[in-house]
Protein backbone atom coordinates (compact mmCIF):
# COMPACT_ATOMS: atom_id res chain seq x y z
CA MET A 1 -18.38 -121.48 -29.37
CA ASP A 2 -21.14 -118.92 -29.72
CA ASN A 3 -20.64 -117.92 -26.10
CA PHE A 4 -16.95 -117.48 -26.77
CA ILE A 5 -17.58 -115.18 -29.74
CA VAL A 6 -20.12 -113.13 -27.75
CA THR A 7 -17.69 -112.89 -24.83
CA LEU A 8 -14.83 -111.94 -27.13
CA PHE A 9 -16.99 -109.29 -28.84
CA PHE A 10 -18.18 -107.98 -25.47
CA MET A 11 -14.61 -107.71 -24.12
CA ALA A 12 -13.49 -105.91 -27.31
CA ILE A 13 -16.33 -103.38 -26.89
CA ILE A 14 -15.45 -102.86 -23.22
CA GLY A 15 -11.75 -102.49 -24.01
CA ALA A 16 -12.43 -100.05 -26.83
CA ALA A 17 -14.71 -97.99 -24.59
CA ILE A 18 -12.15 -97.96 -21.80
CA GLY A 19 -9.31 -97.00 -24.18
CA GLY A 20 -11.25 -94.27 -25.94
CA VAL A 21 -12.69 -92.80 -22.76
CA THR A 22 -9.30 -92.96 -21.05
CA ASN A 23 -7.53 -91.09 -23.86
CA HIS A 24 -10.36 -88.56 -24.12
CA LEU A 25 -10.22 -88.02 -20.35
CA ALA A 26 -6.44 -87.67 -20.46
CA ILE A 27 -6.74 -84.98 -23.13
CA LYS A 28 -9.36 -83.13 -21.13
CA MET A 29 -7.22 -83.37 -17.99
CA LEU A 30 -4.51 -81.38 -19.76
CA PHE A 31 -6.66 -78.28 -19.16
CA ARG A 32 -9.43 -79.25 -16.75
CA PRO A 33 -10.39 -78.55 -14.17
CA TYR A 34 -9.18 -75.00 -14.46
CA ASN A 35 -8.87 -74.59 -10.68
CA ALA A 36 -8.09 -76.87 -7.78
CA ILE A 37 -11.08 -78.64 -6.17
CA TYR A 38 -11.09 -78.88 -2.38
CA ILE A 39 -13.15 -81.05 -0.07
CA LYS A 40 -12.78 -79.09 3.12
CA ASN A 41 -8.97 -78.83 3.45
CA TRP A 42 -8.21 -81.78 1.20
CA ARG A 43 -7.31 -81.04 -2.42
CA LEU A 44 -8.72 -83.49 -4.87
CA PRO A 45 -5.87 -85.24 -6.77
CA PHE A 46 -5.19 -84.21 -10.36
CA THR A 47 -6.82 -80.83 -9.81
CA PRO A 48 -6.31 -78.43 -11.41
CA GLY A 49 -5.38 -79.80 -14.85
CA LEU A 50 -1.79 -80.26 -15.94
CA ILE A 51 -1.42 -77.01 -17.90
CA PRO A 52 -3.19 -74.77 -15.31
CA LYS A 53 -1.14 -76.41 -12.58
CA ARG A 54 2.14 -75.92 -14.41
CA ARG A 55 1.28 -72.53 -15.88
CA ASP A 56 4.13 -70.71 -14.13
CA GLU A 57 6.69 -73.23 -15.32
CA LEU A 58 5.19 -73.24 -18.80
CA ALA A 59 5.30 -69.44 -18.98
CA LYS A 60 8.90 -69.39 -17.78
CA GLN A 61 9.99 -72.06 -20.26
CA LEU A 62 8.19 -70.32 -23.13
CA GLY A 63 9.95 -67.09 -22.22
CA LEU A 64 13.34 -68.81 -22.24
CA THR A 65 12.53 -70.54 -25.53
CA VAL A 66 11.48 -67.29 -27.20
CA VAL A 67 14.58 -65.43 -26.02
CA ASN A 68 17.10 -68.20 -26.65
CA TYR A 69 15.77 -69.66 -29.92
CA LEU A 70 13.15 -67.42 -31.52
CA LEU A 71 13.67 -63.69 -30.91
CA THR A 72 17.45 -63.71 -30.72
CA PRO A 73 19.68 -60.76 -31.76
CA GLU A 74 20.81 -62.77 -34.76
CA THR A 75 17.19 -63.27 -35.83
CA PHE A 76 16.55 -59.53 -35.69
CA ARG A 77 19.74 -58.85 -37.64
CA LYS A 78 18.71 -61.20 -40.42
CA LYS A 79 15.15 -59.92 -40.58
CA PHE A 80 15.54 -56.17 -40.05
CA PHE A 81 19.17 -55.22 -40.78
CA SER A 82 19.72 -56.80 -44.17
CA LYS A 83 20.87 -54.79 -47.18
CA ASP A 84 17.51 -55.36 -48.85
CA ILE A 85 15.59 -53.91 -45.90
CA GLN A 86 17.96 -50.94 -45.74
CA ASP A 87 17.46 -50.22 -49.45
CA LYS A 88 13.68 -50.43 -49.10
CA VAL A 89 13.69 -48.06 -46.11
CA GLU A 90 15.93 -45.65 -47.99
CA GLN A 91 13.65 -45.68 -51.05
CA PHE A 92 10.57 -45.21 -48.88
CA VAL A 93 12.06 -42.22 -47.04
CA GLN A 94 13.27 -40.67 -50.32
CA LEU A 95 9.81 -40.99 -51.83
CA LYS A 96 8.06 -39.54 -48.78
CA VAL A 97 10.48 -36.61 -48.50
CA GLU A 98 10.04 -35.78 -52.18
CA GLU A 99 6.23 -36.07 -52.04
CA THR A 100 5.64 -34.27 -48.76
CA ILE A 101 8.31 -31.57 -48.74
CA PHE A 102 9.77 -30.70 -52.13
CA ALA A 103 6.97 -31.71 -54.53
CA ASN A 104 4.34 -30.19 -52.29
CA ASP A 105 2.91 -26.71 -52.79
CA LYS A 106 2.74 -26.09 -49.06
CA THR A 107 4.55 -22.98 -47.96
CA ILE A 108 6.90 -22.71 -45.03
CA GLN A 109 4.09 -21.03 -43.11
CA ASP A 110 1.81 -24.01 -43.85
CA TRP A 111 4.37 -26.36 -42.32
CA LEU A 112 4.70 -24.05 -39.33
CA ASN A 113 0.90 -24.07 -38.93
CA LEU A 114 0.92 -27.88 -38.92
CA ALA A 115 3.59 -27.79 -36.22
CA GLY A 116 1.53 -25.37 -34.12
CA PHE A 117 3.55 -22.23 -34.89
CA SER A 118 0.90 -20.20 -36.70
CA HIS A 119 2.06 -16.94 -35.06
CA MET A 120 5.68 -17.36 -36.16
CA PRO A 121 5.85 -14.16 -38.32
CA ALA A 122 4.67 -11.98 -35.44
CA THR A 123 7.01 -13.81 -33.06
CA ILE A 124 10.00 -13.28 -35.37
CA GLU A 125 9.16 -9.60 -35.80
CA GLN A 126 9.00 -9.19 -32.03
CA LYS A 127 12.39 -10.86 -31.74
CA VAL A 128 13.77 -8.60 -34.46
CA GLU A 129 12.46 -5.51 -32.68
CA ALA A 130 14.03 -6.69 -29.44
CA ILE A 131 17.37 -7.37 -31.17
CA VAL A 132 17.39 -3.99 -32.89
CA GLU A 133 16.50 -2.25 -29.63
CA GLY A 134 19.20 -4.15 -27.79
CA GLN A 135 21.84 -3.30 -30.37
CA PHE A 136 20.68 0.32 -30.47
CA THR A 137 20.91 0.57 -26.68
CA SER A 138 24.35 -1.02 -26.79
CA VAL A 139 25.51 1.58 -29.32
CA LYS A 140 24.15 4.39 -27.14
CA ASN A 141 25.93 3.00 -24.10
CA THR A 142 29.14 2.71 -26.08
CA LEU A 143 28.84 6.31 -27.29
CA SER A 144 28.18 7.47 -23.72
CA THR A 145 31.05 5.64 -22.06
CA LYS A 146 33.81 5.60 -24.64
CA SER A 147 35.77 8.50 -26.06
CA ILE A 148 35.99 9.34 -29.73
CA ARG A 149 39.65 8.30 -29.64
CA SER A 150 38.73 4.77 -28.48
CA LEU A 151 35.90 4.47 -30.99
CA LEU A 152 37.94 5.48 -34.04
CA SER A 153 40.64 3.20 -35.35
CA ASP A 154 44.19 4.44 -35.77
CA ASP A 155 43.80 4.51 -39.53
CA ILE A 156 40.76 6.79 -39.33
CA GLN A 157 42.45 9.10 -36.82
CA ASN A 158 45.57 9.36 -38.98
CA THR A 159 43.40 10.09 -42.01
CA ILE A 160 41.57 12.89 -40.18
CA ASP A 161 44.85 14.30 -38.86
CA ALA A 162 46.21 14.42 -42.39
CA LYS A 163 43.08 16.19 -43.64
CA ILE A 164 43.36 19.11 -41.16
CA PRO A 165 46.00 21.10 -43.19
CA LEU A 166 43.96 20.52 -46.33
CA ALA A 167 40.81 21.71 -44.59
CA VAL A 168 42.62 24.84 -43.32
CA HIS A 169 43.94 25.60 -46.81
CA HIS A 170 40.44 25.18 -48.22
CA ILE A 171 38.91 27.46 -45.56
CA LEU A 172 41.51 30.19 -46.23
CA GLU A 173 40.88 30.00 -49.96
CA LYS A 174 37.15 30.29 -49.46
CA GLY A 175 37.69 33.16 -47.04
CA GLU A 176 39.87 34.99 -49.52
CA ASP A 177 37.31 34.52 -52.29
CA TYR A 178 34.55 35.73 -50.01
CA PHE A 179 36.24 38.93 -48.85
CA LEU A 180 37.21 39.81 -52.44
CA SER A 181 33.62 39.40 -53.59
CA PRO A 182 31.01 42.21 -53.53
CA GLU A 183 29.24 40.40 -50.73
CA GLY A 184 32.50 40.39 -48.76
CA GLU A 185 32.97 44.13 -49.34
CA MET A 186 29.47 44.79 -48.04
CA THR A 187 30.23 42.67 -44.99
CA ILE A 188 33.47 44.60 -44.32
CA LYS A 189 31.67 47.92 -44.74
CA ALA A 190 28.91 46.83 -42.36
CA MET A 191 31.51 45.75 -39.81
CA ILE A 192 33.31 49.09 -40.05
CA ASP A 193 30.08 51.03 -39.70
CA ASP A 194 29.03 48.95 -36.70
CA PHE A 195 32.43 49.47 -35.14
CA LEU A 196 32.37 53.24 -35.60
CA SER A 197 28.80 53.54 -34.37
CA SER A 198 29.69 51.60 -31.27
CA LYS A 199 32.37 54.18 -30.37
CA GLY A 200 29.90 57.01 -29.99
CA SER A 201 31.13 60.55 -30.68
CA LEU A 202 34.65 59.32 -31.41
CA GLY A 203 33.34 57.07 -34.08
CA GLY A 204 31.26 59.91 -35.52
CA MET A 205 34.30 62.18 -35.67
CA ILE A 206 36.31 59.47 -37.44
CA ASN A 207 33.48 58.90 -39.86
CA MET A 208 33.29 62.70 -40.59
CA PHE A 209 37.03 62.86 -41.02
CA LEU A 210 37.11 59.92 -43.42
CA GLY A 211 33.98 60.93 -45.24
CA ASP A 212 33.15 58.02 -47.50
CA SER A 213 34.30 54.74 -45.87
CA SER A 214 34.97 53.08 -49.23
CA SER A 215 38.70 53.78 -49.03
CA LEU A 216 38.80 52.26 -45.53
CA VAL A 217 36.93 49.23 -46.78
CA GLY A 218 39.52 48.72 -49.51
CA LYS A 219 42.36 48.97 -47.02
CA VAL A 220 40.74 46.53 -44.61
CA GLN A 221 39.97 44.19 -47.50
CA ARG A 222 43.61 44.16 -48.65
CA GLU A 223 44.84 43.56 -45.12
CA LEU A 224 42.41 40.72 -44.60
CA VAL A 225 43.52 39.08 -47.86
CA LYS A 226 47.19 39.49 -46.86
CA PHE A 227 46.40 37.93 -43.49
CA LEU A 228 44.63 34.99 -45.11
CA GLN A 229 47.49 34.46 -47.58
CA ALA A 230 50.22 34.70 -44.98
CA PRO A 231 51.97 31.33 -44.20
CA GLY A 232 51.71 32.04 -40.51
CA THR A 233 47.94 32.17 -40.72
CA SER A 234 47.76 28.66 -42.19
CA THR A 235 50.20 27.37 -39.58
CA LEU A 236 48.25 29.04 -36.76
CA LEU A 237 44.87 27.69 -37.88
CA THR A 238 46.33 24.20 -38.43
CA LYS A 239 47.75 24.25 -34.90
CA ILE A 240 44.46 25.46 -33.43
CA PHE A 241 42.41 22.87 -35.30
CA THR A 242 44.83 20.12 -34.34
CA GLN A 243 44.71 21.08 -30.66
CA GLU A 244 40.93 21.25 -30.67
CA TRP A 245 40.69 17.94 -32.50
CA GLU A 246 42.91 16.30 -29.87
CA LYS A 247 40.66 17.66 -27.15
CA LEU A 248 37.54 16.42 -28.94
CA LYS A 249 38.96 12.92 -29.27
CA ASP A 250 39.11 12.57 -25.50
CA ARG A 251 35.44 13.42 -25.02
CA PRO A 252 32.57 10.87 -25.20
CA ALA A 253 30.76 10.88 -28.51
CA MET A 254 27.43 11.28 -26.73
CA ASP A 255 28.47 14.80 -25.63
CA PHE A 256 27.81 15.91 -29.18
CA LEU A 257 24.48 14.07 -29.45
CA GLN A 258 22.69 15.48 -26.42
CA ASP A 259 20.00 17.19 -28.49
CA VAL A 260 19.32 14.10 -30.62
CA HIS A 261 15.99 12.31 -29.97
CA PHE A 262 16.81 8.62 -30.26
CA GLU A 263 13.29 7.19 -29.80
CA PRO A 264 12.03 8.17 -33.28
CA ILE A 265 15.28 6.93 -34.78
CA LEU A 266 14.85 3.56 -33.03
CA SER A 267 11.24 3.23 -34.19
CA LYS A 268 12.09 4.06 -37.79
CA LEU A 269 15.03 1.67 -37.68
CA GLN A 270 12.82 -1.16 -36.41
CA VAL A 271 10.23 -0.48 -39.11
CA TYR A 272 12.93 -0.37 -41.78
CA VAL A 273 14.47 -3.68 -40.66
CA LYS A 274 11.07 -5.43 -40.59
CA GLU A 275 10.20 -4.07 -44.03
CA GLN A 276 13.49 -5.30 -45.43
CA LEU A 277 13.12 -8.75 -43.83
CA ALA A 278 9.46 -9.12 -44.94
CA ILE A 279 9.04 -12.18 -42.74
CA ALA A 280 5.42 -12.98 -43.68
CA GLU A 281 6.13 -12.75 -47.41
CA ARG A 282 9.26 -14.87 -47.14
CA LEU A 283 7.48 -17.57 -45.14
CA ASN A 284 4.69 -17.64 -47.73
CA GLN A 285 6.93 -19.51 -50.17
CA PRO A 286 7.56 -23.27 -50.50
CA ILE A 287 10.87 -24.72 -49.42
CA SER A 288 11.82 -25.40 -53.04
CA TYR A 289 11.65 -21.65 -53.76
CA TYR A 290 14.65 -21.00 -51.52
CA TRP A 291 16.31 -24.37 -52.03
CA PRO A 292 15.69 -25.66 -55.58
CA GLU A 293 18.53 -28.18 -55.42
CA GLY A 294 17.49 -29.39 -51.97
CA ASN A 295 15.46 -32.35 -53.26
CA GLU A 296 18.38 -33.97 -55.05
CA TRP A 297 20.80 -33.20 -52.22
CA VAL A 298 18.54 -34.60 -49.51
CA LYS A 299 17.56 -37.71 -51.52
CA TYR A 300 21.00 -38.76 -52.69
CA THR A 301 23.29 -37.32 -50.03
CA VAL A 302 21.55 -36.80 -46.71
CA ILE A 303 19.06 -39.68 -46.62
CA PRO A 304 21.54 -42.47 -47.63
CA GLN A 305 24.02 -41.27 -45.01
CA VAL A 306 21.35 -40.90 -42.31
CA ILE A 307 19.81 -44.32 -43.06
CA ASP A 308 23.22 -46.00 -43.12
CA LYS A 309 24.25 -44.46 -39.81
CA ALA A 310 20.85 -45.21 -38.29
CA PHE A 311 21.11 -48.89 -39.25
CA VAL A 312 24.66 -49.11 -37.90
CA LYS A 313 23.69 -47.47 -34.60
CA ALA A 314 20.52 -49.54 -34.30
CA GLU A 315 22.45 -52.75 -34.88
CA GLU A 316 25.03 -51.73 -32.31
CA LYS A 317 22.28 -51.05 -29.77
CA LEU A 318 20.19 -54.12 -30.68
CA GLU A 319 21.31 -56.40 -27.85
CA ASP A 320 21.03 -53.60 -25.32
CA VAL A 321 17.50 -52.80 -26.52
CA LEU A 322 16.47 -56.46 -26.33
CA ASN A 323 17.86 -56.67 -22.82
CA ARG A 324 15.95 -53.58 -21.83
CA LEU A 325 12.76 -54.98 -23.37
CA ASN A 326 13.22 -58.14 -21.26
CA LEU A 327 11.29 -60.28 -23.73
CA GLN A 328 11.54 -63.30 -21.47
CA GLU A 329 9.57 -61.53 -18.76
CA VAL A 330 7.11 -60.10 -21.28
CA VAL A 331 6.35 -63.56 -22.69
CA ARG A 332 6.09 -65.01 -19.20
CA GLU A 333 3.64 -62.34 -18.07
CA GLN A 334 1.52 -62.71 -21.21
CA VAL A 335 1.34 -66.50 -20.95
CA ASP A 336 0.71 -66.32 -17.23
CA SER A 337 -2.14 -63.87 -17.73
CA PHE A 338 -3.64 -65.68 -20.72
CA PRO A 339 -7.01 -67.28 -19.78
CA VAL A 340 -6.82 -71.07 -19.63
CA GLU A 341 -10.20 -71.28 -21.37
CA LYS A 342 -8.84 -69.37 -24.37
CA LEU A 343 -5.66 -71.45 -24.34
CA GLU A 344 -7.70 -74.67 -24.35
CA GLU A 345 -9.90 -73.34 -27.14
CA LEU A 346 -6.83 -72.36 -29.15
CA VAL A 347 -5.03 -75.69 -28.72
CA LEU A 348 -8.13 -77.81 -29.33
CA GLY A 349 -9.05 -75.68 -32.33
CA ILE A 350 -5.65 -76.30 -33.90
CA SER A 351 -5.27 -80.00 -32.92
CA LYS A 352 -8.89 -81.11 -32.88
CA ARG A 353 -8.41 -83.75 -35.60
CA GLU A 354 -5.25 -85.11 -33.98
CA PHE A 355 -6.95 -85.37 -30.58
CA LYS A 356 -9.85 -87.26 -32.18
CA MET A 357 -7.38 -89.65 -33.75
CA ILE A 358 -5.74 -90.20 -30.35
CA THR A 359 -9.17 -91.00 -28.89
CA VAL A 360 -9.93 -93.37 -31.76
CA LEU A 361 -6.50 -94.97 -31.45
CA GLY A 362 -7.13 -95.48 -27.75
CA ALA A 363 -10.43 -97.15 -28.55
CA VAL A 364 -8.78 -99.40 -31.17
CA LEU A 365 -5.98 -100.38 -28.83
CA GLY A 366 -8.47 -100.95 -26.03
CA GLY A 367 -10.55 -103.19 -28.31
CA LEU A 368 -7.48 -105.20 -29.38
CA ILE A 369 -6.43 -105.56 -25.75
CA GLY A 370 -9.96 -106.79 -24.93
CA ILE A 371 -9.79 -109.38 -27.71
CA VAL A 372 -6.35 -110.55 -26.57
CA GLN A 373 -7.59 -110.84 -22.98
CA GLY A 374 -10.61 -112.87 -24.18
CA LEU A 375 -8.39 -115.24 -26.12
CA ILE A 376 -6.07 -115.70 -23.14
CA VAL A 377 -9.01 -116.46 -20.84
CA TYR A 378 -10.51 -118.91 -23.35
CA PHE A 379 -7.38 -120.92 -23.89
CA ILE A 380 -6.40 -120.96 -20.21
């Protein structure tokens, strides 16, 4: 009987050892050996381990699992396109816009400096100078190539035409006033004296015959006034002015500006425009200075609309983006390139207790099988 108990105990120990070692070896063979072992051209069976041997299939299956069950379009919609997420994004953007743009003391030039446009004022002034010069040159070309008639509108031409009789009447009135004035009398006398002196001896004889030329001045003065007051004079001058004006309208405007120096005018015009624009001073103000209501408008009008449209567009493009990302291939490549040693360490680190229990369970089952075998041998 003692021999039986010793034999039964010995077989239980052997069975437990075989069961525990077998399970432990099976667990190890999941990962090891990492590479195939060859004896000459013959590959040793069960090398490499199961997971290294089936790595490609494992990587492919993991990729399919991730794409079909984990990172699906519906999953992304639930996680990233919910109303709660949209509200949080909207609040975050509103807060950042208010803090960084409208509640900030940074000037427009400061923002331009951050963007790498520190020379913007000088650049704008150069552009302004170029624009002014271009427009100035265009005006000169227009004045050189087009007639006054084509430059003036019909309304302006009709207005000028209507002003000619008034201008003639005004000139005649001023002429009459002038010749009746003492200055006019002196002018008439000087003209008569010059005329008589130009006639030589004949003029001297006339001057001796007339004696004092005051009476002749009075006669000439009265005749000049009669001439200026005569209706025919007004009609004649109006006709002459009208004819000359019609001739002028067919000439280029530049014909009357030949003696004008345009370079100083252009320079002064450019300086004036730059002084009025005051680019540097205007850029040295914060955005809120020019747009005080911008904060409220951007926060409650622009941002909600932009966020809403962005979420709608992003959701519409979600499946296309996921297809372009090719997550299945990404997962496969990552798993395929993951070191087996790290994978073994990761799995064993997570399931170390469970693997120990499997080893212990194998030992227990092996021991029970050993006891059963001993009993069968004893009774047979």
